[in-house]
Amino acid sequence: MYLARSLTVAGRRHEMVGAIGADVVMHARPVGRGYVELEPTGLAPWSAASGANARIRAHEFHHSALENLDPQLQFAYRMVRGHGIDGRHDGVVRHNLLASYSHLRAVGDCHWAQRFVEFVKASKNAKPAGIEALRRAHGSLVA
């Protein structure tokens, strides 16, 4: 929510960071609730599932919804079951960011935690980009 353009609660809009091209609106009742099944798109910065056609089972429970989605948004998952962000997708991907309503569990063929740690280690060991390259890639997020 913090990374979206805005957050609206009880009719009052609050400006947020703007890293994710969407506006968050809080609702009195759950928008997404229950078990979900996700199909990876291959766009996530790290893989959560094993196998080419692996599906991920997780759960969601949220009272917020994303509105005014930037048409350029990319998603890590297609929703097979559940609501996610828009009923069809979940997991906004932007650079190394993965923002998702789905709560993954590290069981079965879903090894997201191990793969996330491997991703962080690989990123740490990568040649650091200069501050100018970071500014070009991340815009106003870099001071």
N, C-alpha and C. Protein backbone atom coordinates (compact mmCIF):
# COMPACT_ATOMS: atom_id res chain seq x y z
N MET A 1 0.83 -1.19 0.00
CA MET A 1 0.00 0.00 0.00
C MET A 1 0.87 1.25 0.00
N TYR A 2 1.91 1.21 0.80
CA TYR A 2 2.81 2.35 0.91
C TYR A 2 3.46 2.69 -0.43
N LEU A 3 3.70 1.68 -1.25
CA LEU A 3 4.38 1.89 -2.52
C LEU A 3 3.45 2.31 -3.67
N ALA A 4 2.15 2.28 -3.45
CA ALA A 4 1.18 2.70 -4.47
C ALA A 4 1.19 4.23 -4.60
N ARG A 5 0.39 4.75 -5.56
CA ARG A 5 0.29 6.20 -5.73
C ARG A 5 -0.46 6.86 -4.58
N SER A 6 -1.55 6.20 -4.15
CA SER A 6 -2.37 6.78 -3.10
C SER A 6 -3.08 5.68 -2.33
N LEU A 7 -3.57 6.05 -1.15
CA LEU A 7 -4.36 5.16 -0.29
C LEU A 7 -5.60 5.93 0.13
N THR A 8 -6.77 5.37 -0.15
CA THR A 8 -8.02 6.00 0.25
C THR A 8 -8.66 5.17 1.36
N VAL A 9 -8.88 5.82 2.50
CA VAL A 9 -9.49 5.18 3.66
C VAL A 9 -10.65 6.05 4.12
N ALA A 10 -11.83 5.46 4.23
CA ALA A 10 -13.02 6.20 4.69
C ALA A 10 -13.24 7.47 3.86
N GLY A 11 -12.99 7.37 2.56
CA GLY A 11 -13.22 8.49 1.66
C GLY A 11 -12.12 9.54 1.63
N ARG A 12 -11.10 9.40 2.46
CA ARG A 12 -9.99 10.36 2.50
C ARG A 12 -8.79 9.78 1.76
N ARG A 13 -8.32 10.53 0.79
CA ARG A 13 -7.18 10.09 -0.04
C ARG A 13 -5.88 10.62 0.56
N HIS A 14 -4.89 9.73 0.60
CA HIS A 14 -3.57 10.07 1.11
C HIS A 14 -2.54 9.71 0.06
N GLU A 15 -1.65 10.62 -0.25
CA GLU A 15 -0.59 10.36 -1.23
C GLU A 15 0.41 9.38 -0.64
N MET A 16 0.86 8.45 -1.47
CA MET A 16 1.85 7.46 -1.08
C MET A 16 3.10 7.64 -1.94
N VAL A 17 3.97 6.67 -1.98
CA VAL A 17 5.27 6.77 -2.65
C VAL A 17 5.14 6.87 -4.17
N GLY A 18 4.27 6.08 -4.78
CA GLY A 18 4.08 6.14 -6.23
C GLY A 18 4.95 5.18 -7.02
N ALA A 19 5.60 4.23 -6.37
CA ALA A 19 6.44 3.26 -7.09
C ALA A 19 5.60 2.25 -7.86
N ILE A 20 4.39 1.98 -7.40
CA ILE A 20 3.47 1.07 -8.08
C ILE A 20 2.37 1.91 -8.70
N GLY A 21 2.16 1.72 -9.98
CA GLY A 21 1.16 2.50 -10.72
C GLY A 21 -0.25 2.03 -10.44
N ALA A 22 -0.74 2.33 -9.23
CA ALA A 22 -2.10 1.96 -8.84
C ALA A 22 -2.48 2.77 -7.60
N ASP A 23 -3.77 2.86 -7.36
CA ASP A 23 -4.30 3.52 -6.18
C ASP A 23 -4.99 2.48 -5.31
N VAL A 24 -4.73 2.50 -4.01
CA VAL A 24 -5.31 1.54 -3.07
C VAL A 24 -6.55 2.16 -2.45
N VAL A 25 -7.63 1.38 -2.40
CA VAL A 25 -8.87 1.81 -1.76
C VAL A 25 -9.25 0.75 -0.73
N MET A 26 -9.46 1.18 0.50
CA MET A 26 -9.87 0.27 1.58
C MET A 26 -11.39 0.10 1.55
N HIS A 27 -11.84 -1.14 1.79
CA HIS A 27 -13.26 -1.47 1.82
C HIS A 27 -13.63 -2.04 3.18
N ALA A 28 -14.89 -1.94 3.56
CA ALA A 28 -15.35 -2.44 4.86
C ALA A 28 -15.34 -3.97 4.89
N ARG A 29 -15.58 -4.59 3.76
CA ARG A 29 -15.62 -6.06 3.69
C ARG A 29 -14.44 -6.58 2.88
N PRO A 30 -14.07 -7.83 3.10
CA PRO A 30 -12.95 -8.39 2.34
C PRO A 30 -13.20 -8.38 0.83
N VAL A 31 -12.16 -8.06 0.09
CA VAL A 31 -12.21 -8.09 -1.36
C VAL A 31 -11.75 -9.48 -1.83
N GLY A 32 -10.71 -9.97 -1.22
CA GLY A 32 -10.19 -11.30 -1.50
C GLY A 32 -10.03 -12.05 -0.21
N ARG A 33 -10.55 -13.29 -0.18
CA ARG A 33 -10.48 -14.07 1.06
C ARG A 33 -10.52 -15.55 0.72
N GLY A 34 -9.55 -16.28 1.20
CA GLY A 34 -9.56 -17.73 1.03
C GLY A 34 -8.32 -18.24 0.32
N TYR A 35 -8.41 -19.51 -0.07
CA TYR A 35 -7.30 -20.15 -0.76
C TYR A 35 -7.22 -19.68 -2.20
N VAL A 36 -6.01 -19.56 -2.70
CA VAL A 36 -5.79 -19.17 -4.09
C VAL A 36 -4.88 -20.19 -4.76
N GLU A 37 -4.96 -20.21 -6.06
CA GLU A 37 -4.04 -21.02 -6.87
C GLU A 37 -3.48 -20.10 -7.94
N LEU A 38 -2.16 -20.08 -8.02
CA LEU A 38 -1.46 -19.16 -8.91
C LEU A 38 -0.67 -19.93 -9.96
N GLU A 39 -0.61 -19.34 -11.12
CA GLU A 39 0.22 -19.88 -12.20
C GLU A 39 1.29 -18.84 -12.50
N PRO A 40 2.58 -19.17 -12.28
CA PRO A 40 3.65 -18.20 -12.52
C PRO A 40 3.70 -17.74 -13.98
N THR A 41 3.95 -16.46 -14.19
CA THR A 41 4.09 -15.90 -15.54
C THR A 41 5.54 -15.93 -16.01
N GLY A 42 6.48 -16.13 -15.08
CA GLY A 42 7.90 -16.08 -15.41
C GLY A 42 8.50 -14.69 -15.28
N LEU A 43 7.71 -13.71 -14.84
CA LEU A 43 8.20 -12.33 -14.73
C LEU A 43 8.70 -11.96 -13.34
N ALA A 44 8.50 -12.83 -12.35
CA ALA A 44 8.94 -12.53 -10.99
C ALA A 44 10.46 -12.45 -10.94
N PRO A 45 11.01 -11.58 -10.06
CA PRO A 45 12.46 -11.48 -9.95
C PRO A 45 13.11 -12.77 -9.46
N TRP A 46 12.36 -13.60 -8.76
CA TRP A 46 12.82 -14.94 -8.34
C TRP A 46 11.64 -15.88 -8.49
N SER A 47 11.93 -17.14 -8.74
CA SER A 47 10.89 -18.13 -8.94
C SER A 47 10.41 -18.66 -7.60
N ALA A 48 9.13 -18.93 -7.48
CA ALA A 48 8.59 -19.49 -6.25
C ALA A 48 8.32 -20.98 -6.36
N ALA A 49 8.11 -21.46 -7.60
CA ALA A 49 7.67 -22.84 -7.78
C ALA A 49 8.66 -23.63 -8.62
N SER A 50 8.63 -24.95 -8.43
CA SER A 50 9.46 -25.85 -9.22
C SER A 50 8.70 -26.31 -10.46
N GLY A 51 9.42 -26.60 -11.52
CA GLY A 51 8.80 -27.16 -12.72
C GLY A 51 8.22 -26.10 -13.62
N ALA A 52 8.18 -26.41 -14.90
CA ALA A 52 7.73 -25.45 -15.90
C ALA A 52 6.26 -25.09 -15.74
N ASN A 53 5.43 -26.06 -15.36
CA ASN A 53 3.99 -25.81 -15.26
C ASN A 53 3.51 -25.85 -13.82
N ALA A 54 4.40 -25.60 -12.88
CA ALA A 54 4.03 -25.69 -11.47
C ALA A 54 3.02 -24.60 -11.10
N ARG A 55 2.07 -24.99 -10.29
CA ARG A 55 1.11 -24.03 -9.74
C ARG A 55 1.41 -23.86 -8.27
N ILE A 56 1.08 -22.69 -7.77
CA ILE A 56 1.36 -22.35 -6.37
C ILE A 56 0.04 -22.23 -5.64
N ARG A 57 -0.03 -22.90 -4.51
CA ARG A 57 -1.21 -22.78 -3.66
C ARG A 57 -0.84 -21.85 -2.50
N ALA A 58 -1.72 -20.90 -2.21
CA ALA A 58 -1.47 -19.90 -1.18
C ALA A 58 -2.82 -19.47 -0.62
N HIS A 59 -2.83 -18.36 0.11
CA HIS A 59 -4.10 -17.80 0.58
C HIS A 59 -4.03 -16.28 0.54
N GLU A 60 -5.20 -15.66 0.57
CA GLU A 60 -5.30 -14.20 0.58
C GLU A 60 -6.39 -13.78 1.54
N PHE A 61 -6.21 -12.63 2.12
CA PHE A 61 -7.23 -12.00 2.96
C PHE A 61 -6.92 -10.52 2.97
N HIS A 62 -7.71 -9.76 2.25
CA HIS A 62 -7.46 -8.31 2.20
C HIS A 62 -8.75 -7.54 2.01
N HIS A 63 -8.76 -6.36 2.64
CA HIS A 63 -9.90 -5.45 2.54
C HIS A 63 -9.63 -4.33 1.54
N SER A 64 -8.49 -4.36 0.90
CA SER A 64 -8.15 -3.29 -0.05
C SER A 64 -8.26 -3.81 -1.48
N ALA A 65 -8.34 -2.86 -2.38
CA ALA A 65 -8.36 -3.16 -3.81
C ALA A 65 -7.48 -2.14 -4.51
N LEU A 66 -6.84 -2.57 -5.58
CA LEU A 66 -6.06 -1.66 -6.40
C LEU A 66 -6.93 -1.16 -7.53
N GLU A 67 -6.95 0.15 -7.72
CA GLU A 67 -7.74 0.77 -8.78
C GLU A 67 -6.82 1.62 -9.65
N ASN A 68 -7.32 1.99 -10.83
CA ASN A 68 -6.58 2.84 -11.76
C ASN A 68 -5.20 2.25 -12.07
N LEU A 69 -5.20 0.96 -12.36
CA LEU A 69 -3.94 0.27 -12.64
C LEU A 69 -3.27 0.81 -13.89
N ASP A 70 -1.99 1.07 -13.78
CA ASP A 70 -1.19 1.47 -14.94
C ASP A 70 -1.23 0.31 -15.94
N PRO A 71 -1.59 0.55 -17.20
CA PRO A 71 -1.67 -0.54 -18.18
C PRO A 71 -0.33 -1.21 -18.45
N GLN A 72 0.77 -0.58 -18.03
CA GLN A 72 2.10 -1.16 -18.23
C GLN A 72 2.51 -2.10 -17.09
N LEU A 73 1.67 -2.23 -16.05
CA LEU A 73 2.02 -3.11 -14.93
C LEU A 73 2.24 -4.54 -15.43
N GLN A 74 3.24 -5.17 -14.85
CA GLN A 74 3.52 -6.58 -15.15
C GLN A 74 3.24 -7.39 -13.89
N PHE A 75 2.84 -8.64 -14.09
CA PHE A 75 2.41 -9.47 -12.97
C PHE A 75 3.20 -10.78 -12.92
N ALA A 76 3.46 -11.25 -11.71
CA ALA A 76 4.18 -12.50 -11.48
C ALA A 76 3.29 -13.71 -11.63
N TYR A 77 1.97 -13.53 -11.41
CA TYR A 77 1.06 -14.68 -11.40
C TYR A 77 -0.23 -14.41 -12.17
N ARG A 78 -0.75 -15.47 -12.74
CA ARG A 78 -2.12 -15.49 -13.26
C ARG A 78 -2.96 -16.21 -12.20
N MET A 79 -4.13 -15.68 -11.91
CA MET A 79 -5.00 -16.28 -10.91
C MET A 79 -5.76 -17.45 -11.55
N VAL A 80 -5.58 -18.63 -11.01
CA VAL A 80 -6.38 -19.79 -11.40
C VAL A 80 -7.60 -19.84 -10.50
N ARG A 81 -7.37 -19.53 -9.22
CA ARG A 81 -8.45 -19.46 -8.22
C ARG A 81 -8.13 -18.31 -7.28
N GLY A 82 -9.12 -17.51 -6.94
CA GLY A 82 -8.93 -16.39 -6.03
C GLY A 82 -9.12 -15.06 -6.73
N HIS A 83 -8.91 -13.98 -5.99
CA HIS A 83 -9.13 -12.63 -6.53
C HIS A 83 -7.82 -11.95 -6.92
N GLY A 84 -6.82 -11.98 -6.03
CA GLY A 84 -5.56 -11.29 -6.32
C GLY A 84 -5.77 -9.80 -6.47
N ILE A 85 -5.15 -9.22 -7.49
CA ILE A 85 -5.23 -7.78 -7.71
C ILE A 85 -6.48 -7.39 -8.49
N ASP A 86 -6.76 -8.13 -9.54
CA ASP A 86 -7.89 -7.74 -10.40
C ASP A 86 -8.77 -8.92 -10.82
N GLY A 87 -8.66 -10.03 -10.11
CA GLY A 87 -9.43 -11.21 -10.47
C GLY A 87 -8.74 -12.10 -11.48
N ARG A 88 -7.72 -11.56 -12.16
CA ARG A 88 -6.99 -12.33 -13.17
C ARG A 88 -5.50 -12.42 -12.88
N HIS A 89 -4.97 -11.47 -12.11
CA HIS A 89 -3.53 -11.38 -11.85
C HIS A 89 -3.24 -11.09 -10.39
N ASP A 90 -2.01 -11.41 -10.00
CA ASP A 90 -1.50 -11.00 -8.70
C ASP A 90 0.02 -10.86 -8.82
N GLY A 91 0.61 -10.19 -7.86
CA GLY A 91 2.06 -10.04 -7.83
C GLY A 91 2.58 -9.00 -8.81
N VAL A 92 2.45 -7.72 -8.47
CA VAL A 92 3.01 -6.66 -9.31
C VAL A 92 4.53 -6.80 -9.30
N VAL A 93 5.12 -6.75 -10.49
CA VAL A 93 6.58 -6.82 -10.63
C VAL A 93 7.07 -5.49 -11.17
N ARG A 94 8.02 -4.91 -10.44
CA ARG A 94 8.68 -3.68 -10.92
C ARG A 94 10.13 -3.76 -10.47
N HIS A 95 11.03 -3.88 -11.42
CA HIS A 95 12.45 -4.08 -11.13
C HIS A 95 12.59 -5.30 -10.22
N ASN A 96 13.15 -5.14 -9.03
CA ASN A 96 13.32 -6.26 -8.09
C ASN A 96 12.19 -6.38 -7.09
N LEU A 97 11.12 -5.62 -7.28
CA LEU A 97 9.99 -5.62 -6.37
C LEU A 97 8.95 -6.64 -6.81
N LEU A 98 8.43 -7.39 -5.86
CA LEU A 98 7.29 -8.27 -6.08
C LEU A 98 6.29 -7.96 -4.98
N ALA A 99 5.17 -7.33 -5.32
CA ALA A 99 4.14 -6.93 -4.36
C ALA A 99 2.87 -7.74 -4.64
N SER A 100 2.46 -8.55 -3.66
CA SER A 100 1.40 -9.51 -3.90
C SER A 100 0.41 -9.56 -2.75
N TYR A 101 -0.85 -9.82 -3.07
CA TYR A 101 -1.85 -10.08 -2.04
C TYR A 101 -1.76 -11.53 -1.56
N SER A 102 -1.26 -12.41 -2.39
CA SER A 102 -1.17 -13.83 -2.04
C SER A 102 -0.08 -14.06 -1.01
N HIS A 103 -0.41 -14.81 0.01
CA HIS A 103 0.53 -15.18 1.06
C HIS A 103 1.04 -16.58 0.75
N LEU A 104 2.28 -16.66 0.28
CA LEU A 104 2.86 -17.93 -0.10
C LEU A 104 3.32 -18.71 1.12
N ARG A 105 3.27 -20.03 1.01
CA ARG A 105 3.80 -20.91 2.05
C ARG A 105 4.96 -21.68 1.43
N ALA A 106 5.99 -21.91 2.21
CA ALA A 106 7.16 -22.65 1.72
C ALA A 106 6.96 -24.14 1.98
N VAL A 107 6.01 -24.73 1.26
CA VAL A 107 5.72 -26.16 1.38
C VAL A 107 5.55 -26.75 -0.01
N GLY A 108 5.64 -28.08 -0.10
CA GLY A 108 5.46 -28.74 -1.39
C GLY A 108 6.47 -28.26 -2.40
N ASP A 109 6.01 -27.90 -3.57
CA ASP A 109 6.89 -27.42 -4.63
C ASP A 109 7.09 -25.90 -4.61
N CYS A 110 6.61 -25.24 -3.58
CA CYS A 110 6.77 -23.79 -3.47
C CYS A 110 7.95 -23.47 -2.57
N HIS A 111 9.06 -23.12 -3.17
CA HIS A 111 10.29 -22.86 -2.44
C HIS A 111 10.64 -21.37 -2.47
N TRP A 112 9.64 -20.52 -2.30
CA TRP A 112 9.85 -19.09 -2.47
C TRP A 112 10.89 -18.54 -1.49
N ALA A 113 10.88 -18.99 -0.23
CA ALA A 113 11.79 -18.42 0.76
C ALA A 113 13.25 -18.71 0.40
N GLN A 114 13.54 -19.95 0.07
CA GLN A 114 14.90 -20.33 -0.32
C GLN A 114 15.34 -19.57 -1.57
N ARG A 115 14.46 -19.47 -2.55
CA ARG A 115 14.80 -18.79 -3.79
C ARG A 115 14.94 -17.28 -3.60
N PHE A 116 14.18 -16.72 -2.68
CA PHE A 116 14.33 -15.30 -2.37
C PHE A 116 15.70 -15.04 -1.76
N VAL A 117 16.11 -15.90 -0.82
CA VAL A 117 17.42 -15.74 -0.19
C VAL A 117 18.52 -15.88 -1.24
N GLU A 118 18.39 -16.84 -2.15
CA GLU A 118 19.38 -17.01 -3.22
C GLU A 118 19.42 -15.76 -4.11
N PHE A 119 18.26 -15.19 -4.40
CA PHE A 119 18.18 -13.97 -5.21
C PHE A 119 18.91 -12.82 -4.51
N VAL A 120 18.67 -12.67 -3.21
CA VAL A 120 19.31 -11.59 -2.45
C VAL A 120 20.82 -11.78 -2.45
N LYS A 121 21.27 -13.01 -2.22
CA LYS A 121 22.72 -13.28 -2.23
C LYS A 121 23.33 -12.95 -3.59
N ALA A 122 22.66 -13.37 -4.66
CA ALA A 122 23.16 -13.09 -6.01
C ALA A 122 23.19 -11.58 -6.28
N SER A 123 22.18 -10.87 -5.81
CA SER A 123 22.13 -9.42 -5.99
C SER A 123 23.24 -8.74 -5.20
N LYS A 124 23.50 -9.25 -4.00
CA LYS A 124 24.55 -8.68 -3.15
C LYS A 124 25.92 -8.85 -3.81
N ASN A 125 26.13 -9.99 -4.45
CA ASN A 125 27.41 -10.30 -5.07
C ASN A 125 27.58 -9.68 -6.46
N ALA A 126 26.50 -9.14 -7.01
CA ALA A 126 26.58 -8.53 -8.34
C ALA A 126 27.36 -7.22 -8.25
N LYS A 127 27.97 -6.85 -9.35
CA LYS A 127 28.72 -5.59 -9.41
C LYS A 127 27.75 -4.44 -9.12
N PRO A 128 28.03 -3.62 -8.11
CA PRO A 128 27.09 -2.54 -7.78
C PRO A 128 27.00 -1.50 -8.89
N ALA A 129 25.78 -1.08 -9.14
CA ALA A 129 25.55 -0.03 -10.12
C ALA A 129 25.83 1.31 -9.48
N GLY A 130 26.27 2.24 -10.26
CA GLY A 130 26.50 3.59 -9.74
C GLY A 130 25.19 4.24 -9.39
N ILE A 131 25.24 5.29 -8.59
CA ILE A 131 24.04 5.99 -8.14
C ILE A 131 23.25 6.54 -9.33
N GLU A 132 23.93 6.95 -10.39
CA GLU A 132 23.22 7.46 -11.57
C GLU A 132 22.42 6.36 -12.25
N ALA A 133 22.99 5.16 -12.34
CA ALA A 133 22.26 4.04 -12.92
C ALA A 133 21.04 3.69 -12.08
N LEU A 134 21.20 3.75 -10.76
CA LEU A 134 20.07 3.49 -9.87
C LEU A 134 18.98 4.54 -10.04
N ARG A 135 19.38 5.79 -10.19
CA ARG A 135 18.38 6.86 -10.38
C ARG A 135 17.63 6.65 -11.69
N ARG A 136 18.35 6.27 -12.74
CA ARG A 136 17.67 6.03 -14.03
C ARG A 136 16.70 4.86 -13.91
N ALA A 137 17.10 3.81 -13.20
CA ALA A 137 16.25 2.61 -13.08
C ALA A 137 15.08 2.81 -12.15
N HIS A 138 15.28 3.58 -11.06
CA HIS A 138 14.26 3.67 -10.02
C HIS A 138 13.68 5.06 -9.84
N GLY A 139 14.12 6.00 -10.63
CA GLY A 139 13.55 7.34 -10.58
C GLY A 139 13.68 7.98 -9.22
N SER A 140 12.59 8.51 -8.71
CA SER A 140 12.62 9.30 -7.48
C SER A 140 12.81 8.46 -6.22
N LEU A 141 12.88 7.12 -6.34
CA LEU A 141 13.05 6.29 -5.16
C LEU A 141 14.47 6.36 -4.62
N VAL A 142 15.42 6.85 -5.42
CA VAL A 142 16.81 6.93 -5.00
C VAL A 142 17.15 8.39 -4.73
N ALA A 143 17.65 8.65 -3.53
CA ALA A 143 17.98 10.04 -3.14
C ALA A 143 19.26 10.49 -3.79
